[in-house]
């Protein structure tokens, strides 16, 4: 059994409010989708779940691509900050 973690390209279509996990079988930035990043699903999935709690993707008030991209950058920084805090906290015990 192959448990290799695969990298995907994650894309967002702001007109439809949809996310797309591109495994390489579709050309990037097509069909209204714009590339947010290349990453792993285990990092992406909690981010998307969090966005669905913060935004209304089912109306015309869904976030722009730029807003989602900025949220992604903030999310990555938060992950780094948490890891640094955990290191600092666990080393001080």
PDB file of N, CA and C in Angstrom:
ATOM      1  N   UNK A   1       0.845  -1.181   0.000  1.00  0.00           N
ATOM      2  CA  UNK A   1       0.000   0.000   0.000  1.00  0.00           C
ATOM      3  C   UNK A   1       0.889   1.242   0.000  1.00  0.00           C
ATOM      4  N   UNK A   2       0.567   2.195  -0.831  1.00  0.00           N
ATOM      5  CA  UNK A   2       1.342   3.418  -0.955  1.00  0.00           C
ATOM      6  C   UNK A   2       0.640   4.544  -0.203  1.00  0.00           C
ATOM      7  N   UNK A   3       1.241   5.001   0.894  1.00  0.00           N
ATOM      8  CA  UNK A   3       0.668   6.076   1.706  1.00  0.00           C
ATOM      9  C   UNK A   3       1.372   7.405   1.457  1.00  0.00           C
ATOM     10  N   UNK A   4       1.961   7.563   0.296  1.00  0.00           N
ATOM     11  CA  UNK A   4       2.681   8.781  -0.033  1.00  0.00           C
ATOM     12  C   UNK A   4       1.725   9.978  -0.032  1.00  0.00           C
ATOM     13  N   UNK A   5       2.153  11.050   0.610  1.00  0.00           N
ATOM     14  CA  UNK A   5       1.349  12.271   0.654  1.00  0.00           C
ATOM     15  C   UNK A   5       1.546  13.012  -0.668  1.00  0.00           C
ATOM     16  N   UNK A   6       0.452  13.336  -1.312  1.00  0.00           N
ATOM     17  CA  UNK A   6       0.490  13.978  -2.628  1.00  0.00           C
ATOM     18  C   UNK A   6       0.222  15.470  -2.502  1.00  0.00           C
ATOM     19  N   UNK A   7       0.969  16.247  -3.263  1.00  0.00           N
ATOM     20  CA  UNK A   7       0.739  17.686  -3.310  1.00  0.00           C
ATOM     21  C   UNK A   7      -0.304  17.983  -4.384  1.00  0.00           C
ATOM     22  N   UNK A   8      -1.181  18.919  -4.076  1.00  0.00           N
ATOM     23  CA  UNK A   8      -2.233  19.341  -4.986  1.00  0.00           C
ATOM     24  C   UNK A   8      -2.150  20.839  -5.200  1.00  0.00           C
ATOM     25  N   UNK A   9      -2.801  21.303  -6.253  1.00  0.00           N
ATOM     26  CA  UNK A   9      -2.980  22.732  -6.479  1.00  0.00           C
ATOM     27  C   UNK A   9      -4.413  23.047  -6.075  1.00  0.00           C
ATOM     28  N   UNK A  10      -4.566  23.995  -5.161  1.00  0.00           N
ATOM     29  CA  UNK A  10      -5.889  24.373  -4.695  1.00  0.00           C
ATOM     30  C   UNK A  10      -6.293  25.675  -5.360  1.00  0.00           C
ATOM     31  N   UNK A  11      -7.513  25.670  -5.882  1.00  0.00           N
ATOM     32  CA  UNK A  11      -8.000  26.799  -6.649  1.00  0.00           C
ATOM     33  C   UNK A  11      -9.356  27.252  -6.129  1.00  0.00           C
ATOM     34  N   UNK A  12      -9.683  28.496  -6.430  1.00  0.00           N
ATOM     35  CA  UNK A  12     -10.938  29.096  -5.982  1.00  0.00           C
ATOM     36  C   UNK A  12     -11.598  29.812  -7.148  1.00  0.00           C
ATOM     37  N   UNK A  13     -12.895  29.631  -7.289  1.00  0.00           N
ATOM     38  CA  UNK A  13     -13.692  30.317  -8.298  1.00  0.00           C
ATOM     39  C   UNK A  13     -14.579  31.311  -7.552  1.00  0.00           C
ATOM     40  N   UNK A  14     -14.200  32.578  -7.594  1.00  0.00           N
ATOM     41  CA  UNK A  14     -14.950  33.567  -6.805  1.00  0.00           C
ATOM     42  C   UNK A  14     -16.337  33.835  -7.374  1.00  0.00           C
ATOM     43  N   UNK A  15     -16.546  33.605  -8.657  1.00  0.00           N
ATOM     44  CA  UNK A  15     -17.878  33.810  -9.237  1.00  0.00           C
ATOM     45  C   UNK A  15     -18.885  32.785  -8.722  1.00  0.00           C
ATOM     46  N   UNK A  16     -18.414  31.578  -8.476  1.00  0.00           N
ATOM     47  CA  UNK A  16     -19.299  30.508  -7.999  1.00  0.00           C
ATOM     48  C   UNK A  16     -19.115  30.201  -6.520  1.00  0.00           C
ATOM     49  N   UNK A  17     -18.032  30.685  -5.926  1.00  0.00           N
ATOM     50  CA  UNK A  17     -17.756  30.404  -4.524  1.00  0.00           C
ATOM     51  C   UNK A  17     -17.333  28.970  -4.287  1.00  0.00           C
ATOM     52  N   UNK A  18     -16.676  28.368  -5.272  1.00  0.00           N
ATOM     53  CA  UNK A  18     -16.257  26.967  -5.170  1.00  0.00           C
ATOM     54  C   UNK A  18     -14.750  26.838  -5.062  1.00  0.00           C
ATOM     55  N   UNK A  19     -14.330  25.798  -4.351  1.00  0.00           N
ATOM     56  CA  UNK A  19     -12.923  25.437  -4.278  1.00  0.00           C
ATOM     57  C   UNK A  19     -12.706  24.182  -5.107  1.00  0.00           C
ATOM     58  N   UNK A  20     -11.497  24.047  -5.625  1.00  0.00           N
ATOM     59  CA  UNK A  20     -11.168  22.909  -6.479  1.00  0.00           C
ATOM     60  C   UNK A  20      -9.813  22.363  -6.073  1.00  0.00           C
ATOM     61  N   UNK A  21      -9.770  21.070  -5.855  1.00  0.00           N
ATOM     62  CA  UNK A  21      -8.532  20.361  -5.575  1.00  0.00           C
ATOM     63  C   UNK A  21      -8.033  19.818  -6.905  1.00  0.00           C
ATOM     64  N   UNK A  22      -6.994  20.424  -7.448  1.00  0.00           N
ATOM     65  CA  UNK A  22      -6.487  20.043  -8.759  1.00  0.00           C
ATOM     66  C   UNK A  22      -5.317  19.078  -8.576  1.00  0.00           C
ATOM     67  N   UNK A  23      -5.554  17.845  -8.971  1.00  0.00           N
ATOM     68  CA  UNK A  23      -4.537  16.800  -8.835  1.00  0.00           C
ATOM     69  C   UNK A  23      -3.627  16.737 -10.056  1.00  0.00           C
ATOM     70  N   UNK A  24      -3.706  17.734 -10.925  1.00  0.00           N
ATOM     71  CA  UNK A  24      -2.845  17.783 -12.091  1.00  0.00           C
ATOM     72  C   UNK A  24      -3.504  17.302 -13.366  1.00  0.00           C
ATOM     73  N   UNK A  25      -4.760  16.901 -13.262  1.00  0.00           N
ATOM     74  CA  UNK A  25      -5.454  16.402 -14.443  1.00  0.00           C
ATOM     75  C   UNK A  25      -6.216  17.504 -15.180  1.00  0.00           C
ATOM     76  N   UNK A  26      -6.210  18.730 -14.638  1.00  0.00           N
ATOM     77  CA  UNK A  26      -6.864  19.882 -15.267  1.00  0.00           C
ATOM     78  C   UNK A  26      -5.849  21.016 -15.295  1.00  0.00           C
ATOM     79  N   UNK A  27      -5.794  21.742 -16.379  1.00  0.00           N
ATOM     80  CA  UNK A  27      -4.881  22.874 -16.462  1.00  0.00           C
ATOM     81  C   UNK A  27      -5.242  23.896 -15.395  1.00  0.00           C
ATOM     82  N   UNK A  28      -4.231  24.446 -14.752  1.00  0.00           N
ATOM     83  CA  UNK A  28      -4.459  25.449 -13.705  1.00  0.00           C
ATOM     84  C   UNK A  28      -5.072  26.719 -14.286  1.00  0.00           C
ATOM     85  N   UNK A  29      -5.814  27.411 -13.434  1.00  0.00           N
ATOM     86  CA  UNK A  29      -6.407  28.711 -13.776  1.00  0.00           C
ATOM     87  C   UNK A  29      -7.328  28.644 -14.990  1.00  0.00           C
ATOM     88  N   UNK A  30      -8.163  27.621 -15.038  1.00  0.00           N
ATOM     89  CA  UNK A  30      -9.146  27.489 -16.118  1.00  0.00           C
ATOM     90  C   UNK A  30     -10.537  27.355 -15.514  1.00  0.00           C
ATOM     91  N   UNK A  31     -11.541  27.497 -16.340  1.00  0.00           N
ATOM     92  CA  UNK A  31     -12.941  27.351 -15.938  1.00  0.00           C
ATOM     93  C   UNK A  31     -13.336  28.285 -14.800  1.00  0.00           C
ATOM     94  N   UNK A  32     -12.720  29.463 -14.757  1.00  0.00           N
ATOM     95  CA  UNK A  32     -13.054  30.448 -13.729  1.00  0.00           C
ATOM     96  C   UNK A  32     -12.293  30.279 -12.428  1.00  0.00           C
ATOM     97  N   UNK A  33     -11.481  29.249 -12.310  1.00  0.00           N
ATOM     98  CA  UNK A  33     -10.707  29.015 -11.092  1.00  0.00           C
ATOM     99  C   UNK A  33      -9.370  29.741 -11.159  1.00  0.00           C
ATOM    100  N   UNK A  34      -8.921  30.209  -9.990  1.00  0.00           N
ATOM    101  CA  UNK A  34      -7.623  30.842  -9.867  1.00  0.00           C
ATOM    102  C   UNK A  34      -6.833  30.080  -8.810  1.00  0.00           C
ATOM    103  N   UNK A  35      -5.555  29.894  -9.070  1.00  0.00           N
ATOM    104  CA  UNK A  35      -4.706  29.132  -8.158  1.00  0.00           C
ATOM    105  C   UNK A  35      -4.412  29.928  -6.900  1.00  0.00           C
ATOM    106  N   UNK A  36      -4.663  29.306  -5.768  1.00  0.00           N
ATOM    107  CA  UNK A  36      -4.319  29.895  -4.480  1.00  0.00           C
ATOM    108  C   UNK A  36      -2.928  29.433  -4.069  1.00  0.00           C
ATOM    109  N   UNK A  37      -2.689  28.129  -4.195  1.00  0.00           N
ATOM    110  CA  UNK A  37      -1.415  27.585  -3.758  1.00  0.00           C
ATOM    111  C   UNK A  37      -1.270  26.134  -4.183  1.00  0.00           C
ATOM    112  N   UNK A  38      -0.062  25.639  -4.015  1.00  0.00           N
ATOM    113  CA  UNK A  38       0.190  24.212  -4.079  1.00  0.00           C
ATOM    114  C   UNK A  38       0.471  23.758  -2.662  1.00  0.00           C
ATOM    115  N   UNK A  39      -0.234  22.769  -2.192  1.00  0.00           N
ATOM    116  CA  UNK A  39      -0.045  22.309  -0.815  1.00  0.00           C
ATOM    117  C   UNK A  39      -0.638  20.918  -0.667  1.00  0.00           C
ATOM    118  N   UNK A  40      -0.717  20.469   0.555  1.00  0.00           N
ATOM    119  CA  UNK A  40      -1.253  19.147   0.859  1.00  0.00           C
ATOM    120  C   UNK A  40      -2.667  19.266   1.399  1.00  0.00           C
ATOM    121  N   UNK A  41      -3.474  18.257   1.146  1.00  0.00           N
ATOM    122  CA  UNK A  41      -4.876  18.314   1.567  1.00  0.00           C
ATOM    123  C   UNK A  41      -5.016  18.435   3.080  1.00  0.00           C
ATOM    124  N   UNK A  42      -4.140  17.781   3.855  1.00  0.00           N
ATOM    125  CA  UNK A  42      -4.279  17.842   5.314  1.00  0.00           C
ATOM    126  C   UNK A  42      -4.050  19.254   5.854  1.00  0.00           C
ATOM    127  N   UNK A  43      -3.377  20.113   5.088  1.00  0.00           N
ATOM    128  CA  UNK A  43      -3.219  21.518   5.475  1.00  0.00           C
ATOM    129  C   UNK A  43      -4.385  22.337   4.952  1.00  0.00           C
ATOM    130  N   UNK A  44      -4.825  22.014   3.759  1.00  0.00           N
ATOM    131  CA  UNK A  44      -5.872  22.787   3.088  1.00  0.00           C
ATOM    132  C   UNK A  44      -7.256  22.569   3.691  1.00  0.00           C
ATOM    133  N   UNK A  45      -7.608  21.343   3.973  1.00  0.00           N
ATOM    134  CA  UNK A  45      -8.975  21.017   4.394  1.00  0.00           C
ATOM    135  C   UNK A  45      -9.415  21.804   5.629  1.00  0.00           C
ATOM    136  N   UNK A  46      -8.611  21.893   6.696  1.00  0.00           N
ATOM    137  CA  UNK A  46      -9.048  22.710   7.847  1.00  0.00           C
ATOM    138  C   UNK A  46      -9.220  24.181   7.484  1.00  0.00           C
ATOM    139  N   UNK A  47      -8.395  24.669   6.580  1.00  0.00           N
ATOM    140  CA  UNK A  47      -8.510  26.059   6.131  1.00  0.00           C
ATOM    141  C   UNK A  47      -9.843  26.301   5.439  1.00  0.00           C
ATOM    142  N   UNK A  48     -10.213  25.427   4.525  1.00  0.00           N
ATOM    143  CA  UNK A  48     -11.485  25.583   3.809  1.00  0.00           C
ATOM    144  C   UNK A  48     -12.654  25.473   4.782  1.00  0.00           C
ATOM    145  N   UNK A  49     -12.595  24.525   5.698  1.00  0.00           N
ATOM    146  CA  UNK A  49     -13.667  24.385   6.698  1.00  0.00           C
ATOM    147  C   UNK A  49     -13.803  25.663   7.517  1.00  0.00           C
ATOM    148  N   UNK A  50     -12.690  26.256   7.873  1.00  0.00           N
ATOM    149  CA  UNK A  50     -12.686  27.502   8.643  1.00  0.00           C
ATOM    150  C   UNK A  50     -13.307  28.635   7.826  1.00  0.00           C
ATOM    151  N   UNK A  51     -12.967  28.710   6.526  1.00  0.00           N
ATOM    152  CA  UNK A  51     -13.549  29.753   5.673  1.00  0.00           C
ATOM    153  C   UNK A  51     -15.062  29.623   5.573  1.00  0.00           C
ATOM    154  N   UNK A  52     -15.556  28.398   5.488  1.00  0.00           N
ATOM    155  CA  UNK A  52     -17.007  28.199   5.398  1.00  0.00           C
ATOM    156  C   UNK A  52     -17.721  28.677   6.661  1.00  0.00           C
ATOM    157  N   UNK A  53     -17.015  28.709   7.779  1.00  0.00           N
ATOM    158  CA  UNK A  53     -17.610  29.243   9.009  1.00  0.00           C
ATOM    159  C   UNK A  53     -17.585  30.773   9.024  1.00  0.00           C
ATOM    160  N   UNK A  54     -16.645  31.363   8.314  1.00  0.00           N
ATOM    161  CA  UNK A  54     -16.455  32.820   8.336  1.00  0.00           C
ATOM    162  C   UNK A  54     -17.204  33.559   7.234  1.00  0.00           C
ATOM    163  N   UNK A  55     -17.441  32.903   6.113  1.00  0.00           N
ATOM    164  CA  UNK A  55     -18.027  33.571   4.951  1.00  0.00           C
ATOM    165  C   UNK A  55     -19.270  32.847   4.462  1.00  0.00           C
ATOM    166  N   UNK A  56     -20.077  33.581   3.739  1.00  0.00           N
ATOM    167  CA  UNK A  56     -21.277  33.019   3.109  1.00  0.00           C
ATOM    168  C   UNK A  56     -20.960  32.762   1.635  1.00  0.00           C
ATOM    169  N   UNK A  57     -20.661  31.514   1.313  1.00  0.00           N
ATOM    170  CA  UNK A  57     -20.306  31.147  -0.056  1.00  0.00           C
ATOM    171  C   UNK A  57     -21.533  30.873  -0.918  1.00  0.00           C
ATOM    172  N   UNK A  58     -22.699  30.934  -0.311  1.00  0.00           N
ATOM    173  CA  UNK A  58     -23.933  30.593  -1.032  1.00  0.00           C
ATOM    174  C   UNK A  58     -24.731  31.813  -1.466  1.00  0.00           C
ATOM    175  N   UNK A  59     -24.132  32.988  -1.326  1.00  0.00           N
ATOM    176  CA  UNK A  59     -24.808  34.217  -1.743  1.00  0.00           C
ATOM    177  C   UNK A  59     -23.845  35.028  -2.612  1.00  0.00           C
ATOM    178  N   UNK A  60     -24.258  36.196  -2.975  1.00  0.00           N
ATOM    179  CA  UNK A  60     -23.391  37.084  -3.758  1.00  0.00           C
ATOM    180  C   UNK A  60     -22.385  37.818  -2.882  1.00  0.00           C
ATOM    181  N   UNK A  61     -22.371  37.518  -1.588  1.00  0.00           N
ATOM    182  CA  UNK A  61     -21.441  38.167  -0.668  1.00  0.00           C
ATOM    183  C   UNK A  61     -20.209  37.310  -0.394  1.00  0.00           C
ATOM    184  N   UNK A  62     -19.960  36.319  -1.213  1.00  0.00           N
ATOM    185  CA  UNK A  62     -18.801  35.457  -0.999  1.00  0.00           C
ATOM    186  C   UNK A  62     -17.513  36.257  -1.185  1.00  0.00           C
ATOM    187  N   UNK A  63     -16.413  35.809  -0.594  1.00  0.00           N
ATOM    188  CA  UNK A  63     -15.166  36.581  -0.640  1.00  0.00           C
ATOM    189  C   UNK A  63     -14.531  36.567  -2.030  1.00  0.00           C
ATOM    190  N   UNK A  64     -13.780  37.600  -2.305  1.00  0.00           N
ATOM    191  CA  UNK A  64     -13.039  37.687  -3.564  1.00  0.00           C
ATOM    192  C   UNK A  64     -11.847  36.734  -3.520  1.00  0.00           C
ATOM    193  N   UNK A  65     -11.268  36.510  -4.683  1.00  0.00           N
ATOM    194  CA  UNK A  65     -10.053  35.695  -4.738  1.00  0.00           C
ATOM    195  C   UNK A  65      -8.957  36.319  -3.877  1.00  0.00           C
ATOM    196  N   UNK A  66      -8.803  37.637  -3.956  1.00  0.00           N
ATOM    197  CA  UNK A  66      -7.772  38.325  -3.178  1.00  0.00           C
ATOM    198  C   UNK A  66      -7.976  38.129  -1.679  1.00  0.00           C
ATOM    199  N   UNK A  67      -9.232  38.166  -1.241  1.00  0.00           N
ATOM    200  CA  UNK A  67      -9.526  37.955   0.187  1.00  0.00           C
ATOM    201  C   UNK A  67      -9.183  36.538   0.608  1.00  0.00           C
ATOM    202  N   UNK A  68      -9.515  35.557  -0.223  1.00  0.00           N
ATOM    203  CA  UNK A  68      -9.201  34.159   0.107  1.00  0.00           C
ATOM    204  C   UNK A  68      -7.692  33.953   0.119  1.00  0.00           C
ATOM    205  N   UNK A  69      -7.005  34.537  -0.837  1.00  0.00           N
ATOM    206  CA  UNK A  69      -5.541  34.425  -0.901  1.00  0.00           C
ATOM    207  C   UNK A  69      -4.910  35.025   0.355  1.00  0.00           C
ATOM    208  N   UNK A  70      -5.414  36.188   0.802  1.00  0.00           N
ATOM    209  CA  UNK A  70      -4.901  36.823   2.022  1.00  0.00           C
ATOM    210  C   UNK A  70      -5.210  35.972   3.246  1.00  0.00           C
ATOM    211  N   UNK A  71      -6.399  35.400   3.298  1.00  0.00           N
ATOM    212  CA  UNK A  71      -6.751  34.503   4.403  1.00  0.00           C
ATOM    213  C   UNK A  71      -5.792  33.314   4.443  1.00  0.00           C
ATOM    214  N   UNK A  72      -5.444  32.788   3.262  1.00  0.00           N
ATOM    215  CA  UNK A  72      -4.521  31.657   3.179  1.00  0.00           C
ATOM    216  C   UNK A  72      -3.148  32.042   3.745  1.00  0.00           C
ATOM    217  N   UNK A  73      -2.642  33.208   3.361  1.00  0.00           N
ATOM    218  CA  UNK A  73      -1.352  33.671   3.867  1.00  0.00           C
ATOM    219  C   UNK A  73      -1.397  33.851   5.382  1.00  0.00           C
ATOM    220  N   UNK A  74      -2.484  34.413   5.889  1.00  0.00           N
ATOM    221  CA  UNK A  74      -2.647  34.588   7.337  1.00  0.00           C
ATOM    222  C   UNK A  74      -2.725  33.237   8.050  1.00  0.00           C
ATOM    223  N   UNK A  75      -3.416  32.299   7.440  1.00  0.00           N
ATOM    224  CA  UNK A  75      -3.549  30.944   8.000  1.00  0.00           C
ATOM    225  C   UNK A  75      -2.179  30.274   8.095  1.00  0.00           C
ATOM    226  N   UNK A  76      -1.376  30.387   7.046  1.00  0.00           N
ATOM    227  CA  UNK A  76      -0.037  29.789   7.079  1.00  0.00           C
ATOM    228  C   UNK A  76       0.816  30.431   8.164  1.00  0.00           C
ATOM    229  N   UNK A  77       0.712  31.748   8.303  1.00  0.00           N
ATOM    230  CA  UNK A  77       1.474  32.423   9.350  1.00  0.00           C
ATOM    231  C   UNK A  77       1.004  31.978  10.736  1.00  0.00           C
ATOM    232  N   UNK A  78      -0.276  31.797  10.901  1.00  0.00           N
ATOM    233  CA  UNK A  78      -0.806  31.312  12.176  1.00  0.00           C
ATOM    234  C   UNK A  78      -0.257  29.934  12.499  1.00  0.00           C
ATOM    235  N   UNK A  79      -0.176  29.058  11.507  1.00  0.00           N
ATOM    236  CA  UNK A  79       0.390  27.720  11.720  1.00  0.00           C
ATOM    237  C   UNK A  79       1.841  27.812  12.201  1.00  0.00           C
ATOM    238  N   UNK A  80       2.618  28.700  11.585  1.00  0.00           N
ATOM    239  CA  UNK A  80       4.014  28.901  11.986  1.00  0.00           C
ATOM    240  C   UNK A  80       4.079  29.432  13.413  1.00  0.00           C
ATOM    241  N   UNK A  81       3.260  30.434  13.708  1.00  0.00           N
ATOM    242  CA  UNK A  81       3.242  31.017  15.051  1.00  0.00           C
ATOM    243  C   UNK A  81       2.889  29.984  16.105  1.00  0.00           C
ATOM    244  N   UNK A  82       1.921  29.148  15.821  1.00  0.00           N
ATOM    245  CA  UNK A  82       1.513  28.106  16.775  1.00  0.00           C
ATOM    246  C   UNK A  82       2.653  27.119  17.010  1.00  0.00           C
ATOM    247  N   UNK A  83       3.318  26.697  15.941  1.00  0.00           N
ATOM    248  CA  UNK A  83       4.444  25.763  16.089  1.00  0.00           C
ATOM    249  C   UNK A  83       5.568  26.382  16.911  1.00  0.00           C
ATOM    250  N   UNK A  84       5.862  27.655  16.658  1.00  0.00           N
ATOM    251  CA  UNK A  84       6.902  28.344  17.429  1.00  0.00           C
ATOM    252  C   UNK A  84       6.515  28.447  18.903  1.00  0.00           C
ATOM    253  N   UNK A  85       5.268  28.778  19.160  1.00  0.00           N
ATOM    254  CA  UNK A  85       4.788  28.867  20.536  1.00  0.00           C
ATOM    255  C   UNK A  85       4.867  27.507  21.218  1.00  0.00           C
ATOM    256  N   UNK A  86       4.464  26.460  20.512  1.00  0.00           N
ATOM    257  CA  UNK A  86       4.523  25.111  21.084  1.00  0.00           C
ATOM    258  C   UNK A  86       5.957  24.732  21.438  1.00  0.00           C
ATOM    259  N   UNK A  87       6.897  25.058  20.542  1.00  0.00           N
ATOM    260  CA  UNK A  87       8.312  24.767  20.823  1.00  0.00           C
ATOM    261  C   UNK A  87       8.780  25.509  22.063  1.00  0.00           C
ATOM    262  N   UNK A  88       8.461  26.781  22.122  1.00  0.00           N
ATOM    263  CA  UNK A  88       8.874  27.613  23.246  1.00  0.00           C
ATOM    264  C   UNK A  88       8.249  27.107  24.536  1.00  0.00           C
ATOM    265  N   UNK A  89       6.955  26.784  24.482  1.00  0.00           N
ATOM    266  CA  UNK A  89       6.239  26.338  25.676  1.00  0.00           C
ATOM    267  C   UNK A  89       6.750  24.976  26.144  1.00  0.00           C
ATOM    268  N   UNK A  90       6.905  24.034  25.244  1.00  0.00           N
ATOM    269  CA  UNK A  90       7.323  22.682  25.644  1.00  0.00           C
ATOM    270  C   UNK A  90       8.773  22.648  26.070  1.00  0.00           C
ATOM    271  N   UNK A  91       9.608  23.556  25.541  1.00  0.00           N
ATOM    272  CA  UNK A  91      11.017  23.606  25.971  1.00  0.00           C
ATOM    273  C   UNK A  91      11.178  24.248  27.328  1.00  0.00           C
ATOM    274  N   UNK A  92      10.198  24.994  27.784  1.00  0.00           N
ATOM    275  CA  UNK A  92      10.314  25.676  29.068  1.00  0.00           C
ATOM    276  C   UNK A  92       9.816  24.818  30.228  1.00  0.00           C
ATOM    277  N   UNK A  93       9.262  23.648  29.940  1.00  0.00           N
ATOM    278  CA  UNK A  93       8.749  22.787  31.021  1.00  0.00           C
ATOM    279  C   UNK A  93       9.852  22.013  31.688  1.00  0.00           C
TER     280      UNK A  93
END
